[in-house]
Protein backbone atom coordinates (compact mmCIF):
# COMPACT_ATOMS: atom_id res chain seq x y z
CA UNK A 1 0.00 0.00 0.00
CA UNK A 2 1.31 3.44 -0.98
CA UNK A 3 2.13 5.94 1.71
CA UNK A 4 -0.22 8.88 2.19
CA UNK A 5 0.89 12.43 1.78
CA UNK A 6 -0.63 15.40 3.58
CA UNK A 7 -1.41 18.71 1.92
CA UNK A 8 -2.95 21.96 3.08
CA UNK A 9 -3.62 25.55 2.21
CA UNK A 10 -1.67 28.51 3.61
CA UNK A 11 -4.01 29.10 6.56
CA UNK A 12 -4.57 25.37 7.26
CA UNK A 13 -8.38 25.58 7.03
CA UNK A 14 -8.48 23.06 4.15
CA UNK A 15 -6.40 19.89 4.35
CA UNK A 16 -6.20 16.73 2.27
CA UNK A 17 -4.55 13.33 2.10
CA UNK A 18 -3.38 11.83 -1.17
CA UNK A 19 -1.66 8.57 -2.00
CA UNK A 20 1.91 8.82 -3.19
CA UNK A 21 0.87 7.16 -6.47
CA UNK A 22 0.96 10.09 -8.87
CA UNK A 23 0.72 9.08 -12.53
CA UNK A 24 2.57 12.13 -13.91
CA UNK A 25 3.90 15.54 -12.95
CA UNK A 26 4.75 18.65 -14.95
CA UNK A 27 5.20 22.39 -14.82
CA UNK A 28 2.34 24.10 -16.67
CA UNK A 29 3.00 27.53 -18.16
CA UNK A 30 -0.49 28.18 -19.61
CA UNK A 31 -2.06 31.55 -18.86
CA UNK A 32 -4.79 29.99 -16.70
CA UNK A 33 -2.28 28.24 -14.44
CA UNK A 34 -0.20 31.40 -14.21
CA UNK A 35 -3.23 33.45 -13.19
CA UNK A 36 -4.57 30.95 -10.66
CA UNK A 37 -1.17 30.61 -8.93
CA UNK A 38 0.11 34.14 -9.41
CA UNK A 39 3.39 32.59 -10.55
CA UNK A 40 5.31 31.84 -13.73
CA UNK A 41 3.98 28.27 -13.80
CA UNK A 42 2.09 25.67 -11.79
CA UNK A 43 4.01 22.57 -10.70
CA UNK A 44 1.38 19.84 -10.46
CA UNK A 45 1.11 16.10 -10.00
CA UNK A 46 -1.76 14.15 -11.56
CA UNK A 47 -3.62 11.33 -9.86
CA UNK A 48 -6.99 9.57 -10.06
CA UNK A 49 -9.67 11.60 -8.28
CA UNK A 50 -10.56 8.94 -5.74
CA UNK A 51 -6.98 8.89 -4.40
CA UNK A 52 -7.32 12.41 -2.94
CA UNK A 53 -9.50 12.85 0.15
CA UNK A 54 -10.32 16.12 1.87
CA UNK A 55 -9.66 15.63 5.57
CA UNK A 56 -10.60 19.08 6.82
CA UNK A 57 -12.47 22.14 5.58
CA UNK A 58 -14.50 20.76 2.67
CA UNK A 59 -17.15 23.41 3.33
CA UNK A 60 -14.48 26.10 3.08
CA UNK A 61 -13.55 25.31 -0.52
CA UNK A 62 -14.03 27.92 -3.21
CA UNK A 63 -14.70 26.10 -6.48
CA UNK A 64 -14.12 27.86 -9.80
CA UNK A 65 -15.63 25.78 -12.60
CA UNK A 66 -18.09 22.89 -12.59
CA UNK A 67 -18.40 19.18 -11.72
CA UNK A 68 -16.36 18.02 -14.73
CA UNK A 69 -13.48 20.46 -14.30
CA UNK A 70 -12.58 23.12 -11.76
CA UNK A 71 -9.96 24.73 -9.59
CA UNK A 72 -10.39 24.20 -5.83
CA UNK A 73 -9.12 27.03 -3.62
CA UNK A 74 -9.35 27.66 0.09
CA UNK A 75 -12.19 30.15 0.51
CA UNK A 76 -10.34 31.84 3.37
CA UNK A 77 -6.72 32.29 2.24
CA UNK A 78 -7.19 31.68 -1.52
CA UNK A 79 -4.55 28.94 -1.92
CA UNK A 80 -5.02 26.78 -5.01
CA UNK A 81 -5.09 23.20 -3.74
CA UNK A 82 -5.92 21.18 -6.83
CA UNK A 83 -7.61 21.22 -10.21
CA UNK A 84 -10.24 18.68 -11.22
CA UNK A 85 -9.47 17.67 -14.82
CA UNK A 86 -10.14 15.06 -17.51
CA UNK A 87 -13.93 15.11 -17.09
CA UNK A 88 -13.58 14.78 -13.32
CA UNK A 89 -11.50 11.60 -13.40
CA UNK A 90 -8.18 13.12 -12.26
CA UNK A 91 -6.93 15.86 -9.98
CA UNK A 92 -3.84 17.93 -10.55
CA UNK A 93 -2.48 18.59 -7.08
CA UNK A 94 -0.67 21.90 -6.75
CA UNK A 95 2.66 20.51 -5.55
CA UNK A 96 3.39 23.57 -3.41
CA UNK A 97 0.51 22.62 -1.10
CA UNK A 98 2.03 19.25 -0.22
CA UNK A 99 3.44 19.13 3.31
CA UNK A 100 5.12 15.79 2.62
CA UNK A 101 7.66 15.25 -0.15
CA UNK A 102 6.20 13.16 -3.01
CA UNK A 103 8.18 10.50 -4.82
CA UNK A 104 7.39 12.00 -8.24
CA UNK A 105 9.09 15.06 -9.75
CA UNK A 106 7.95 17.13 -12.74
CA UNK A 107 9.22 15.59 -15.97
CA UNK A 108 8.34 18.33 -18.47
CA UNK A 109 7.33 21.92 -19.04
CA UNK A 110 4.01 22.18 -20.88
CA UNK A 111 2.34 25.08 -22.68
CA UNK A 112 5.65 26.90 -23.02
CA UNK A 113 4.22 28.58 -26.11
CA UNK A 114 2.26 30.82 -23.74
CA UNK A 115 4.79 31.08 -20.90
CA UNK A 116 5.46 34.40 -19.20
CA UNK A 117 7.91 36.44 -21.27
CA UNK A 118 9.72 37.57 -18.13
CA UNK A 119 10.49 33.98 -17.04
CA UNK A 120 13.39 31.90 -18.37
CA UNK A 121 13.32 28.11 -18.05
CA UNK A 122 16.79 27.11 -16.93
CA UNK A 123 16.52 23.35 -16.34
CA UNK A 124 16.96 20.50 -18.82
CA UNK A 125 13.39 19.13 -18.72
CA UNK A 126 11.73 18.73 -22.12
CA UNK A 127 9.54 21.63 -23.21
CA UNK A 128 6.26 21.28 -25.10
CA UNK A 129 4.14 23.91 -26.81
CA UNK A 130 0.98 22.24 -25.50
CA UNK A 131 0.06 18.98 -23.80
CA UNK A 132 2.38 16.02 -23.64
CA UNK A 133 0.29 13.64 -25.72
CA UNK A 134 -0.76 10.59 -23.72
CA UNK A 135 0.98 11.57 -20.49
CA UNK A 136 -0.28 14.92 -19.23
CA UNK A 137 -3.73 16.36 -19.78
CA UNK A 138 -4.26 19.80 -18.26
C-alpha atoms as a PDB file:
ATOM      1  CA  UNK A   1       0.000   0.000   0.000  1.00  0.00           C
ATOM      2  CA  UNK A   2       1.314   3.441  -0.976  1.00  0.00           C
ATOM      3  CA  UNK A   3       2.127   5.941   1.705  1.00  0.00           C
ATOM      4  CA  UNK A   4      -0.220   8.876   2.186  1.00  0.00           C
ATOM      5  CA  UNK A   5       0.889  12.434   1.776  1.00  0.00           C
ATOM      6  CA  UNK A   6      -0.630  15.400   3.577  1.00  0.00           C
ATOM      7  CA  UNK A   7      -1.415  18.714   1.924  1.00  0.00           C
ATOM      8  CA  UNK A   8      -2.950  21.957   3.085  1.00  0.00           C
ATOM      9  CA  UNK A   9      -3.623  25.554   2.213  1.00  0.00           C
ATOM     10  CA  UNK A  10      -1.673  28.510   3.606  1.00  0.00           C
ATOM     11  CA  UNK A  11      -4.009  29.104   6.565  1.00  0.00           C
ATOM     12  CA  UNK A  12      -4.572  25.371   7.256  1.00  0.00           C
ATOM     13  CA  UNK A  13      -8.375  25.576   7.030  1.00  0.00           C
ATOM     14  CA  UNK A  14      -8.477  23.056   4.151  1.00  0.00           C
ATOM     15  CA  UNK A  15      -6.398  19.887   4.348  1.00  0.00           C
ATOM     16  CA  UNK A  16      -6.201  16.735   2.272  1.00  0.00           C
ATOM     17  CA  UNK A  17      -4.549  13.334   2.096  1.00  0.00           C
ATOM     18  CA  UNK A  18      -3.384  11.827  -1.174  1.00  0.00           C
ATOM     19  CA  UNK A  19      -1.662   8.567  -2.001  1.00  0.00           C
ATOM     20  CA  UNK A  20       1.911   8.819  -3.190  1.00  0.00           C
ATOM     21  CA  UNK A  21       0.872   7.164  -6.467  1.00  0.00           C
ATOM     22  CA  UNK A  22       0.959  10.087  -8.875  1.00  0.00           C
ATOM     23  CA  UNK A  23       0.721   9.081 -12.533  1.00  0.00           C
ATOM     24  CA  UNK A  24       2.571  12.126 -13.910  1.00  0.00           C
ATOM     25  CA  UNK A  25       3.899  15.544 -12.946  1.00  0.00           C
ATOM     26  CA  UNK A  26       4.748  18.652 -14.950  1.00  0.00           C
ATOM     27  CA  UNK A  27       5.195  22.392 -14.818  1.00  0.00           C
ATOM     28  CA  UNK A  28       2.339  24.100 -16.665  1.00  0.00           C
ATOM     29  CA  UNK A  29       2.999  27.529 -18.155  1.00  0.00           C
ATOM     30  CA  UNK A  30      -0.486  28.180 -19.613  1.00  0.00           C
ATOM     31  CA  UNK A  31      -2.056  31.554 -18.860  1.00  0.00           C
ATOM     32  CA  UNK A  32      -4.790  29.994 -16.696  1.00  0.00           C
ATOM     33  CA  UNK A  33      -2.284  28.236 -14.436  1.00  0.00           C
ATOM     34  CA  UNK A  34      -0.196  31.401 -14.214  1.00  0.00           C
ATOM     35  CA  UNK A  35      -3.229  33.454 -13.191  1.00  0.00           C
ATOM     36  CA  UNK A  36      -4.572  30.954 -10.658  1.00  0.00           C
ATOM     37  CA  UNK A  37      -1.173  30.606  -8.935  1.00  0.00           C
ATOM     38  CA  UNK A  38       0.112  34.143  -9.408  1.00  0.00           C
ATOM     39  CA  UNK A  39       3.392  32.594 -10.546  1.00  0.00           C
ATOM     40  CA  UNK A  40       5.312  31.837 -13.734  1.00  0.00           C
ATOM     41  CA  UNK A  41       3.985  28.265 -13.804  1.00  0.00           C
ATOM     42  CA  UNK A  42       2.088  25.668 -11.793  1.00  0.00           C
ATOM     43  CA  UNK A  43       4.014  22.568 -10.703  1.00  0.00           C
ATOM     44  CA  UNK A  44       1.381  19.838 -10.465  1.00  0.00           C
ATOM     45  CA  UNK A  45       1.107  16.096  -9.995  1.00  0.00           C
ATOM     46  CA  UNK A  46      -1.763  14.152 -11.562  1.00  0.00           C
ATOM     47  CA  UNK A  47      -3.623  11.326  -9.856  1.00  0.00           C
ATOM     48  CA  UNK A  48      -6.988   9.573 -10.065  1.00  0.00           C
ATOM     49  CA  UNK A  49      -9.675  11.604  -8.284  1.00  0.00           C
ATOM     50  CA  UNK A  50     -10.559   8.935  -5.740  1.00  0.00           C
ATOM     51  CA  UNK A  51      -6.979   8.894  -4.405  1.00  0.00           C
ATOM     52  CA  UNK A  52      -7.322  12.405  -2.938  1.00  0.00           C
ATOM     53  CA  UNK A  53      -9.501  12.847   0.150  1.00  0.00           C
ATOM     54  CA  UNK A  54     -10.319  16.116   1.871  1.00  0.00           C
ATOM     55  CA  UNK A  55      -9.659  15.634   5.574  1.00  0.00           C
ATOM     56  CA  UNK A  56     -10.604  19.081   6.818  1.00  0.00           C
ATOM     57  CA  UNK A  57     -12.474  22.143   5.581  1.00  0.00           C
ATOM     58  CA  UNK A  58     -14.496  20.760   2.670  1.00  0.00           C
ATOM     59  CA  UNK A  59     -17.148  23.412   3.327  1.00  0.00           C
ATOM     60  CA  UNK A  60     -14.479  26.101   3.083  1.00  0.00           C
ATOM     61  CA  UNK A  61     -13.549  25.305  -0.516  1.00  0.00           C
ATOM     62  CA  UNK A  62     -14.031  27.919  -3.209  1.00  0.00           C
ATOM     63  CA  UNK A  63     -14.699  26.105  -6.484  1.00  0.00           C
ATOM     64  CA  UNK A  64     -14.118  27.862  -9.801  1.00  0.00           C
ATOM     65  CA  UNK A  65     -15.630  25.781 -12.603  1.00  0.00           C
ATOM     66  CA  UNK A  66     -18.089  22.886 -12.594  1.00  0.00           C
ATOM     67  CA  UNK A  67     -18.395  19.185 -11.722  1.00  0.00           C
ATOM     68  CA  UNK A  68     -16.363  18.022 -14.730  1.00  0.00           C
ATOM     69  CA  UNK A  69     -13.484  20.463 -14.296  1.00  0.00           C
ATOM     70  CA  UNK A  70     -12.578  23.122 -11.758  1.00  0.00           C
ATOM     71  CA  UNK A  71      -9.960  24.727  -9.587  1.00  0.00           C
ATOM     72  CA  UNK A  72     -10.388  24.199  -5.827  1.00  0.00           C
ATOM     73  CA  UNK A  73      -9.120  27.028  -3.623  1.00  0.00           C
ATOM     74  CA  UNK A  74      -9.351  27.662   0.093  1.00  0.00           C
ATOM     75  CA  UNK A  75     -12.186  30.149   0.507  1.00  0.00           C
ATOM     76  CA  UNK A  76     -10.342  31.839   3.372  1.00  0.00           C
ATOM     77  CA  UNK A  77      -6.724  32.289   2.240  1.00  0.00           C
ATOM     78  CA  UNK A  78      -7.186  31.681  -1.518  1.00  0.00           C
ATOM     79  CA  UNK A  79      -4.555  28.945  -1.916  1.00  0.00           C
ATOM     80  CA  UNK A  80      -5.025  26.782  -5.010  1.00  0.00           C
ATOM     81  CA  UNK A  81      -5.088  23.199  -3.742  1.00  0.00           C
ATOM     82  CA  UNK A  82      -5.923  21.176  -6.829  1.00  0.00           C
ATOM     83  CA  UNK A  83      -7.610  21.224 -10.213  1.00  0.00           C
ATOM     84  CA  UNK A  84     -10.239  18.678 -11.218  1.00  0.00           C
ATOM     85  CA  UNK A  85      -9.474  17.666 -14.823  1.00  0.00           C
ATOM     86  CA  UNK A  86     -10.139  15.061 -17.508  1.00  0.00           C
ATOM     87  CA  UNK A  87     -13.927  15.106 -17.090  1.00  0.00           C
ATOM     88  CA  UNK A  88     -13.585  14.781 -13.319  1.00  0.00           C
ATOM     89  CA  UNK A  89     -11.503  11.600 -13.402  1.00  0.00           C
ATOM     90  CA  UNK A  90      -8.183  13.119 -12.257  1.00  0.00           C
ATOM     91  CA  UNK A  91      -6.929  15.863  -9.984  1.00  0.00           C
ATOM     92  CA  UNK A  92      -3.838  17.932 -10.554  1.00  0.00           C
ATOM     93  CA  UNK A  93      -2.475  18.588  -7.076  1.00  0.00           C
ATOM     94  CA  UNK A  94      -0.667  21.903  -6.746  1.00  0.00           C
ATOM     95  CA  UNK A  95       2.658  20.514  -5.552  1.00  0.00           C
ATOM     96  CA  UNK A  96       3.387  23.572  -3.409  1.00  0.00           C
ATOM     97  CA  UNK A  97       0.507  22.617  -1.105  1.00  0.00           C
ATOM     98  CA  UNK A  98       2.031  19.250  -0.216  1.00  0.00           C
ATOM     99  CA  UNK A  99       3.443  19.128   3.309  1.00  0.00           C
ATOM    100  CA  UNK A 100       5.122  15.785   2.623  1.00  0.00           C
ATOM    101  CA  UNK A 101       7.656  15.246  -0.152  1.00  0.00           C
ATOM    102  CA  UNK A 102       6.198  13.159  -3.006  1.00  0.00           C
ATOM    103  CA  UNK A 103       8.176  10.498  -4.817  1.00  0.00           C
ATOM    104  CA  UNK A 104       7.394  12.001  -8.236  1.00  0.00           C
ATOM    105  CA  UNK A 105       9.095  15.056  -9.754  1.00  0.00           C
ATOM    106  CA  UNK A 106       7.945  17.133 -12.741  1.00  0.00           C
ATOM    107  CA  UNK A 107       9.223  15.587 -15.971  1.00  0.00           C
ATOM    108  CA  UNK A 108       8.341  18.333 -18.472  1.00  0.00           C
ATOM    109  CA  UNK A 109       7.328  21.923 -19.037  1.00  0.00           C
ATOM    110  CA  UNK A 110       4.014  22.184 -20.879  1.00  0.00           C
ATOM    111  CA  UNK A 111       2.342  25.082 -22.679  1.00  0.00           C
ATOM    112  CA  UNK A 112       5.652  26.896 -23.015  1.00  0.00           C
ATOM    113  CA  UNK A 113       4.215  28.584 -26.107  1.00  0.00           C
ATOM    114  CA  UNK A 114       2.256  30.823 -23.740  1.00  0.00           C
ATOM    115  CA  UNK A 115       4.786  31.082 -20.900  1.00  0.00           C
ATOM    116  CA  UNK A 116       5.460  34.404 -19.203  1.00  0.00           C
ATOM    117  CA  UNK A 117       7.905  36.441 -21.266  1.00  0.00           C
ATOM    118  CA  UNK A 118       9.715  37.566 -18.127  1.00  0.00           C
ATOM    119  CA  UNK A 119      10.489  33.985 -17.038  1.00  0.00           C
ATOM    120  CA  UNK A 120      13.386  31.895 -18.366  1.00  0.00           C
ATOM    121  CA  UNK A 121      13.318  28.107 -18.050  1.00  0.00           C
ATOM    122  CA  UNK A 122      16.789  27.107 -16.926  1.00  0.00           C
ATOM    123  CA  UNK A 123      16.520  23.347 -16.336  1.00  0.00           C
ATOM    124  CA  UNK A 124      16.957  20.503 -18.822  1.00  0.00           C
ATOM    125  CA  UNK A 125      13.391  19.133 -18.717  1.00  0.00           C
ATOM    126  CA  UNK A 126      11.726  18.730 -22.116  1.00  0.00           C
ATOM    127  CA  UNK A 127       9.542  21.627 -23.214  1.00  0.00           C
ATOM    128  CA  UNK A 128       6.257  21.279 -25.098  1.00  0.00           C
ATOM    129  CA  UNK A 129       4.140  23.911 -26.812  1.00  0.00           C
ATOM    130  CA  UNK A 130       0.977  22.239 -25.495  1.00  0.00           C
ATOM    131  CA  UNK A 131       0.062  18.985 -23.797  1.00  0.00           C
ATOM    132  CA  UNK A 132       2.381  16.020 -23.638  1.00  0.00           C
ATOM    133  CA  UNK A 133       0.290  13.642 -25.722  1.00  0.00           C
ATOM    134  CA  UNK A 134      -0.759  10.591 -23.721  1.00  0.00           C
ATOM    135  CA  UNK A 135       0.979  11.565 -20.485  1.00  0.00           C
ATOM    136  CA  UNK A 136      -0.284  14.921 -19.234  1.00  0.00           C
ATOM    137  CA  UNK A 137      -3.729  16.358 -19.784  1.00  0.00           C
ATOM    138  CA  UNK A 138      -4.265  19.803 -18.256  1.00  0.00           C
END
